[in-house]
Amino acid sequence: MSGYTELGTFLSTAYDLSVQSTGKPIGHKYYGVTSSGVSLKNHSRKSAMAIATDPKVIPTGTKVYIEFEEPYSDFNGIYTAVDKGGAIKGKKIDLFMGDFRSNSPHPSVYQFGKRNVKIYKVD
């Protein structure tokens, strides 16, 4: 793919803005605010196109093209690394699924599970 540098296959999980995913309940001063200061509050996956990464592997602010296998190929696209997490180490990413305005995880987070994805850095 021209304009892209292949970074390889990564393990992807999913998260939302629930307490389980972020540790911050609705109404918390920093609800929806990522480690880089980007607010994901009131965003869907499509409007945010955001991931959490290990900044040693994919630095914060980096744009990447992610290629998903079926049944998630409609998720293919350019995402921005805006967050990091304690469990995100090495070739792993956490895909932001959306702000569902709930302190409990949305079913889509569990349905996504763990998936291998191909990642390309946007040059």
N, C-alpha and C. Protein backbone atom coordinates (compact mmCIF):
# COMPACT_ATOMS: atom_id res chain seq x y z
N MET A 1 0.85 -1.18 0.00
CA MET A 1 0.00 0.00 0.00
C MET A 1 0.89 1.24 0.00
N SER A 2 0.75 2.04 -1.00
CA SER A 2 1.55 3.25 -1.13
C SER A 2 1.13 4.28 -0.07
N GLY A 3 2.11 4.92 0.55
CA GLY A 3 1.83 5.91 1.59
C GLY A 3 1.68 5.33 2.97
N TYR A 4 1.94 4.04 3.09
CA TYR A 4 1.81 3.34 4.37
C TYR A 4 3.05 2.49 4.63
N THR A 5 3.41 2.36 5.91
CA THR A 5 4.48 1.46 6.32
C THR A 5 3.87 0.37 7.19
N GLU A 6 4.05 -0.87 6.80
CA GLU A 6 3.46 -1.97 7.56
C GLU A 6 4.15 -2.11 8.92
N LEU A 7 3.34 -2.14 9.97
CA LEU A 7 3.86 -2.34 11.33
C LEU A 7 3.66 -3.78 11.79
N GLY A 8 2.81 -4.52 11.08
CA GLY A 8 2.61 -5.93 11.41
C GLY A 8 1.25 -6.24 11.96
N THR A 9 1.14 -7.45 12.50
CA THR A 9 -0.11 -7.92 13.08
C THR A 9 -0.09 -7.62 14.58
N PHE A 10 -1.20 -7.05 15.05
CA PHE A 10 -1.36 -6.68 16.45
C PHE A 10 -2.59 -7.38 17.00
N LEU A 11 -2.63 -7.58 18.30
CA LEU A 11 -3.82 -8.08 18.98
C LEU A 11 -4.66 -6.87 19.36
N SER A 12 -5.92 -6.88 18.98
CA SER A 12 -6.82 -5.78 19.29
C SER A 12 -7.90 -6.23 20.27
N THR A 13 -8.14 -5.39 21.25
CA THR A 13 -9.27 -5.53 22.15
C THR A 13 -10.10 -4.26 21.98
N ALA A 14 -11.18 -4.12 22.72
CA ALA A 14 -12.05 -2.96 22.59
C ALA A 14 -12.37 -2.37 23.96
N TYR A 15 -12.67 -1.07 23.95
CA TYR A 15 -13.08 -0.41 25.18
C TYR A 15 -14.11 0.67 24.88
N ASP A 16 -14.78 1.10 25.94
CA ASP A 16 -15.71 2.23 25.86
C ASP A 16 -15.41 3.14 27.04
N LEU A 17 -16.33 4.01 27.39
CA LEU A 17 -16.06 4.94 28.50
C LEU A 17 -16.67 4.46 29.82
N SER A 18 -16.97 3.18 29.92
CA SER A 18 -17.50 2.63 31.16
C SER A 18 -16.45 2.68 32.26
N VAL A 19 -16.90 2.55 33.49
CA VAL A 19 -15.99 2.53 34.63
C VAL A 19 -15.00 1.38 34.50
N GLN A 20 -15.48 0.22 34.04
CA GLN A 20 -14.60 -0.94 33.88
C GLN A 20 -13.46 -0.64 32.91
N SER A 21 -13.74 0.09 31.84
CA SER A 21 -12.72 0.39 30.84
C SER A 21 -11.80 1.53 31.24
N THR A 22 -12.34 2.55 31.89
CA THR A 22 -11.54 3.77 32.14
C THR A 22 -11.32 4.10 33.61
N GLY A 23 -12.14 3.53 34.48
CA GLY A 23 -12.03 3.86 35.90
C GLY A 23 -12.70 5.17 36.28
N LYS A 24 -13.37 5.82 35.32
CA LYS A 24 -14.00 7.13 35.57
C LYS A 24 -15.50 7.04 35.32
N PRO A 25 -16.33 7.29 36.33
CA PRO A 25 -17.77 7.24 36.13
C PRO A 25 -18.28 8.50 35.41
N ILE A 26 -19.49 8.38 34.86
CA ILE A 26 -20.15 9.55 34.27
C ILE A 26 -20.20 10.64 35.34
N GLY A 27 -19.89 11.85 34.96
CA GLY A 27 -19.87 12.98 35.90
C GLY A 27 -18.50 13.27 36.46
N HIS A 28 -17.57 12.33 36.34
CA HIS A 28 -16.19 12.56 36.79
C HIS A 28 -15.59 13.69 35.96
N LYS A 29 -14.79 14.50 36.59
CA LYS A 29 -14.15 15.64 35.94
C LYS A 29 -13.43 15.25 34.64
N TYR A 30 -12.83 14.07 34.62
CA TYR A 30 -12.07 13.63 33.45
C TYR A 30 -12.76 12.51 32.67
N TYR A 31 -14.08 12.39 32.81
CA TYR A 31 -14.82 11.37 32.07
C TYR A 31 -14.58 11.57 30.57
N GLY A 32 -14.10 10.54 29.91
CA GLY A 32 -13.91 10.58 28.47
C GLY A 32 -12.61 11.22 28.00
N VAL A 33 -11.81 11.73 28.92
CA VAL A 33 -10.56 12.39 28.53
C VAL A 33 -9.44 11.36 28.51
N THR A 34 -8.74 11.28 27.39
CA THR A 34 -7.66 10.32 27.22
C THR A 34 -6.37 10.83 27.85
N SER A 35 -5.36 9.97 27.89
CA SER A 35 -4.05 10.36 28.45
C SER A 35 -3.41 11.50 27.68
N SER A 36 -3.80 11.67 26.41
CA SER A 36 -3.23 12.75 25.60
C SER A 36 -4.06 14.03 25.68
N GLY A 37 -5.17 13.98 26.43
CA GLY A 37 -6.01 15.16 26.59
C GLY A 37 -7.17 15.24 25.60
N VAL A 38 -7.26 14.29 24.68
CA VAL A 38 -8.36 14.26 23.71
C VAL A 38 -9.62 13.77 24.41
N SER A 39 -10.74 14.46 24.19
CA SER A 39 -12.00 14.03 24.78
C SER A 39 -12.75 13.11 23.82
N LEU A 40 -13.13 11.95 24.33
CA LEU A 40 -13.92 11.00 23.54
C LEU A 40 -15.40 11.06 23.95
N LYS A 41 -15.72 11.96 24.86
CA LYS A 41 -17.09 12.11 25.35
C LYS A 41 -18.01 12.43 24.17
N ASN A 42 -19.14 11.73 24.15
CA ASN A 42 -20.19 11.90 23.12
C ASN A 42 -19.76 11.45 21.72
N HIS A 43 -18.66 10.74 21.61
CA HIS A 43 -18.22 10.24 20.31
C HIS A 43 -18.63 8.79 20.11
N SER A 44 -18.87 8.45 18.86
CA SER A 44 -19.05 7.06 18.44
C SER A 44 -17.70 6.55 17.96
N ARG A 45 -17.62 5.27 17.65
CA ARG A 45 -16.37 4.75 17.09
C ARG A 45 -16.04 5.48 15.81
N LYS A 46 -17.04 5.66 14.95
CA LYS A 46 -16.80 6.31 13.65
C LYS A 46 -16.39 7.77 13.78
N SER A 47 -16.96 8.48 14.73
CA SER A 47 -16.61 9.91 14.85
C SER A 47 -15.26 10.10 15.52
N ALA A 48 -14.85 9.14 16.35
CA ALA A 48 -13.57 9.27 17.06
C ALA A 48 -12.41 8.63 16.29
N MET A 49 -12.62 7.41 15.76
CA MET A 49 -11.57 6.64 15.08
C MET A 49 -10.29 6.68 15.93
N ALA A 50 -10.43 6.25 17.19
CA ALA A 50 -9.37 6.37 18.19
C ALA A 50 -8.94 5.00 18.72
N ILE A 51 -7.65 4.91 19.04
CA ILE A 51 -7.12 3.69 19.65
C ILE A 51 -6.19 4.06 20.80
N ALA A 52 -6.03 3.10 21.70
CA ALA A 52 -5.03 3.19 22.75
C ALA A 52 -3.90 2.25 22.35
N THR A 53 -2.66 2.69 22.57
CA THR A 53 -1.49 1.92 22.14
C THR A 53 -0.42 1.95 23.22
N ASP A 54 0.60 1.15 23.00
CA ASP A 54 1.84 1.25 23.76
C ASP A 54 2.64 2.33 23.03
N PRO A 55 2.85 3.50 23.64
CA PRO A 55 3.54 4.59 22.94
C PRO A 55 4.97 4.26 22.51
N LYS A 56 5.55 3.20 23.08
CA LYS A 56 6.89 2.78 22.64
C LYS A 56 6.81 2.09 21.28
N VAL A 57 5.64 1.58 20.94
CA VAL A 57 5.43 0.86 19.67
C VAL A 57 4.74 1.76 18.65
N ILE A 58 3.66 2.40 19.05
CA ILE A 58 2.94 3.37 18.22
C ILE A 58 2.79 4.63 19.06
N PRO A 59 3.62 5.65 18.79
CA PRO A 59 3.57 6.87 19.60
C PRO A 59 2.21 7.57 19.55
N THR A 60 1.85 8.21 20.65
CA THR A 60 0.62 8.99 20.73
C THR A 60 0.63 10.04 19.62
N GLY A 61 -0.51 10.17 18.96
CA GLY A 61 -0.65 11.11 17.86
C GLY A 61 -0.44 10.50 16.49
N THR A 62 0.08 9.28 16.45
CA THR A 62 0.34 8.60 15.18
C THR A 62 -0.97 8.18 14.52
N LYS A 63 -1.04 8.36 13.22
CA LYS A 63 -2.19 7.89 12.44
C LYS A 63 -1.82 6.55 11.82
N VAL A 64 -2.73 5.59 11.95
CA VAL A 64 -2.50 4.27 11.40
C VAL A 64 -3.73 3.81 10.63
N TYR A 65 -3.47 2.99 9.62
CA TYR A 65 -4.57 2.32 8.91
C TYR A 65 -4.68 0.94 9.52
N ILE A 66 -5.89 0.58 9.96
CA ILE A 66 -6.12 -0.73 10.56
C ILE A 66 -7.00 -1.55 9.63
N GLU A 67 -6.53 -2.79 9.39
CA GLU A 67 -7.26 -3.72 8.54
C GLU A 67 -7.78 -4.86 9.40
N PHE A 68 -9.11 -4.97 9.46
CA PHE A 68 -9.78 -5.97 10.26
C PHE A 68 -10.25 -7.12 9.37
N GLU A 69 -10.28 -8.32 9.95
CA GLU A 69 -10.84 -9.48 9.25
C GLU A 69 -12.35 -9.50 9.49
N GLU A 70 -13.06 -10.29 8.67
CA GLU A 70 -14.51 -10.47 8.86
C GLU A 70 -14.75 -10.99 10.28
N PRO A 71 -15.82 -10.65 10.92
CA PRO A 71 -16.93 -9.85 10.43
C PRO A 71 -16.76 -8.34 10.69
N TYR A 72 -15.55 -7.90 10.95
CA TYR A 72 -15.31 -6.49 11.30
C TYR A 72 -14.62 -5.70 10.20
N SER A 73 -14.65 -6.19 8.96
CA SER A 73 -13.94 -5.47 7.89
C SER A 73 -14.53 -4.09 7.64
N ASP A 74 -15.77 -3.85 8.06
CA ASP A 74 -16.34 -2.50 7.91
C ASP A 74 -15.70 -1.51 8.88
N PHE A 75 -14.89 -2.00 9.82
CA PHE A 75 -14.14 -1.13 10.73
C PHE A 75 -12.84 -0.64 10.10
N ASN A 76 -12.44 -1.19 8.95
CA ASN A 76 -11.19 -0.78 8.30
C ASN A 76 -11.15 0.73 8.15
N GLY A 77 -9.97 1.33 8.41
CA GLY A 77 -9.85 2.77 8.23
C GLY A 77 -8.67 3.34 8.97
N ILE A 78 -8.58 4.67 8.93
CA ILE A 78 -7.49 5.39 9.57
C ILE A 78 -7.92 5.81 10.97
N TYR A 79 -7.12 5.39 11.94
CA TYR A 79 -7.35 5.69 13.36
C TYR A 79 -6.17 6.49 13.89
N THR A 80 -6.40 7.20 14.99
CA THR A 80 -5.33 7.97 15.64
C THR A 80 -5.08 7.40 17.03
N ALA A 81 -3.80 7.24 17.37
CA ALA A 81 -3.41 6.79 18.71
C ALA A 81 -3.56 7.99 19.66
N VAL A 82 -4.59 7.95 20.50
CA VAL A 82 -4.86 9.08 21.40
C VAL A 82 -4.78 8.69 22.87
N ASP A 83 -4.59 7.40 23.14
CA ASP A 83 -4.62 6.95 24.53
C ASP A 83 -3.61 5.84 24.74
N LYS A 84 -3.37 5.54 25.99
CA LYS A 84 -2.52 4.41 26.36
C LYS A 84 -3.18 3.76 27.57
N GLY A 85 -2.81 2.54 27.85
CA GLY A 85 -3.41 1.85 28.98
C GLY A 85 -2.42 0.93 29.63
N GLY A 86 -2.64 0.63 30.89
CA GLY A 86 -1.72 -0.21 31.63
C GLY A 86 -1.57 -1.60 31.03
N ALA A 87 -2.63 -2.11 30.40
CA ALA A 87 -2.58 -3.46 29.82
C ALA A 87 -2.17 -3.45 28.35
N ILE A 88 -1.94 -2.27 27.81
CA ILE A 88 -1.58 -2.16 26.39
C ILE A 88 -0.05 -2.12 26.29
N LYS A 89 0.52 -3.28 26.07
CA LYS A 89 1.98 -3.42 26.00
C LYS A 89 2.36 -4.14 24.72
N GLY A 90 3.40 -3.65 24.05
CA GLY A 90 3.88 -4.30 22.84
C GLY A 90 2.92 -4.13 21.68
N LYS A 91 2.76 -5.20 20.91
CA LYS A 91 1.95 -5.15 19.70
C LYS A 91 0.48 -5.45 20.02
N LYS A 92 -0.09 -4.55 20.82
CA LYS A 92 -1.48 -4.65 21.22
C LYS A 92 -2.11 -3.27 21.11
N ILE A 93 -3.37 -3.22 20.69
CA ILE A 93 -4.11 -1.96 20.67
C ILE A 93 -5.45 -2.17 21.34
N ASP A 94 -6.06 -1.08 21.77
CA ASP A 94 -7.40 -1.10 22.33
C ASP A 94 -8.22 -0.15 21.46
N LEU A 95 -9.27 -0.67 20.85
CA LEU A 95 -10.10 0.08 19.92
C LEU A 95 -11.24 0.74 20.67
N PHE A 96 -11.40 2.06 20.51
CA PHE A 96 -12.50 2.78 21.15
C PHE A 96 -13.79 2.51 20.40
N MET A 97 -14.78 1.95 21.11
CA MET A 97 -16.06 1.59 20.49
C MET A 97 -17.10 2.69 20.58
N GLY A 98 -16.95 3.63 21.52
CA GLY A 98 -17.91 4.72 21.62
C GLY A 98 -18.23 5.07 23.05
N ASP A 99 -18.89 6.22 23.19
CA ASP A 99 -19.40 6.67 24.48
C ASP A 99 -20.86 6.28 24.52
N PHE A 100 -21.18 5.26 25.30
CA PHE A 100 -22.54 4.76 25.38
C PHE A 100 -23.28 5.35 26.59
N ARG A 101 -22.63 6.34 27.25
CA ARG A 101 -23.21 7.04 28.40
C ARG A 101 -23.72 6.06 29.45
N SER A 102 -22.85 5.12 29.80
CA SER A 102 -23.19 4.13 30.81
C SER A 102 -21.94 3.81 31.62
N ASN A 103 -22.14 3.61 32.90
CA ASN A 103 -21.02 3.21 33.75
C ASN A 103 -20.67 1.73 33.58
N SER A 104 -21.57 0.99 32.92
CA SER A 104 -21.34 -0.43 32.64
C SER A 104 -20.90 -0.60 31.19
N PRO A 105 -20.05 -1.59 30.92
CA PRO A 105 -19.58 -1.81 29.55
C PRO A 105 -20.72 -2.12 28.57
N HIS A 106 -20.62 -1.60 27.38
CA HIS A 106 -21.59 -1.88 26.32
C HIS A 106 -21.34 -3.30 25.79
N PRO A 107 -22.39 -4.03 25.41
CA PRO A 107 -22.20 -5.40 24.88
C PRO A 107 -21.22 -5.48 23.70
N SER A 108 -21.12 -4.44 22.90
CA SER A 108 -20.23 -4.47 21.73
C SER A 108 -18.76 -4.65 22.13
N VAL A 109 -18.40 -4.20 23.33
CA VAL A 109 -17.02 -4.35 23.80
C VAL A 109 -16.72 -5.84 23.99
N TYR A 110 -17.65 -6.55 24.61
CA TYR A 110 -17.47 -7.99 24.82
C TYR A 110 -17.59 -8.77 23.51
N GLN A 111 -18.52 -8.36 22.66
CA GLN A 111 -18.72 -9.05 21.38
C GLN A 111 -17.48 -8.95 20.50
N PHE A 112 -16.78 -7.83 20.56
CA PHE A 112 -15.57 -7.65 19.76
C PHE A 112 -14.51 -8.65 20.20
N GLY A 113 -14.38 -8.86 21.49
CA GLY A 113 -13.41 -9.83 22.02
C GLY A 113 -11.98 -9.44 21.72
N LYS A 114 -11.19 -10.43 21.33
CA LYS A 114 -9.78 -10.22 20.95
C LYS A 114 -9.64 -10.64 19.50
N ARG A 115 -9.02 -9.78 18.70
CA ARG A 115 -8.88 -10.04 17.28
C ARG A 115 -7.51 -9.62 16.79
N ASN A 116 -6.99 -10.37 15.84
CA ASN A 116 -5.75 -9.95 15.19
C ASN A 116 -6.09 -8.97 14.08
N VAL A 117 -5.33 -7.88 14.01
CA VAL A 117 -5.52 -6.86 12.99
C VAL A 117 -4.17 -6.52 12.38
N LYS A 118 -4.19 -6.08 11.13
CA LYS A 118 -2.97 -5.61 10.48
C LYS A 118 -2.94 -4.09 10.60
N ILE A 119 -1.77 -3.58 10.96
CA ILE A 119 -1.64 -2.13 11.15
C ILE A 119 -0.54 -1.59 10.26
N TYR A 120 -0.85 -0.45 9.64
CA TYR A 120 0.08 0.26 8.77
C TYR A 120 0.17 1.70 9.25
N LYS A 121 1.36 2.21 9.40
CA LYS A 121 1.56 3.61 9.78
C LYS A 121 1.30 4.46 8.54
N VAL A 122 0.53 5.53 8.73
CA VAL A 122 0.29 6.46 7.62
C VAL A 122 1.49 7.35 7.50
N ASP A 123 2.16 7.32 6.33
CA ASP A 123 3.38 8.11 6.11
C ASP A 123 3.07 9.57 5.84
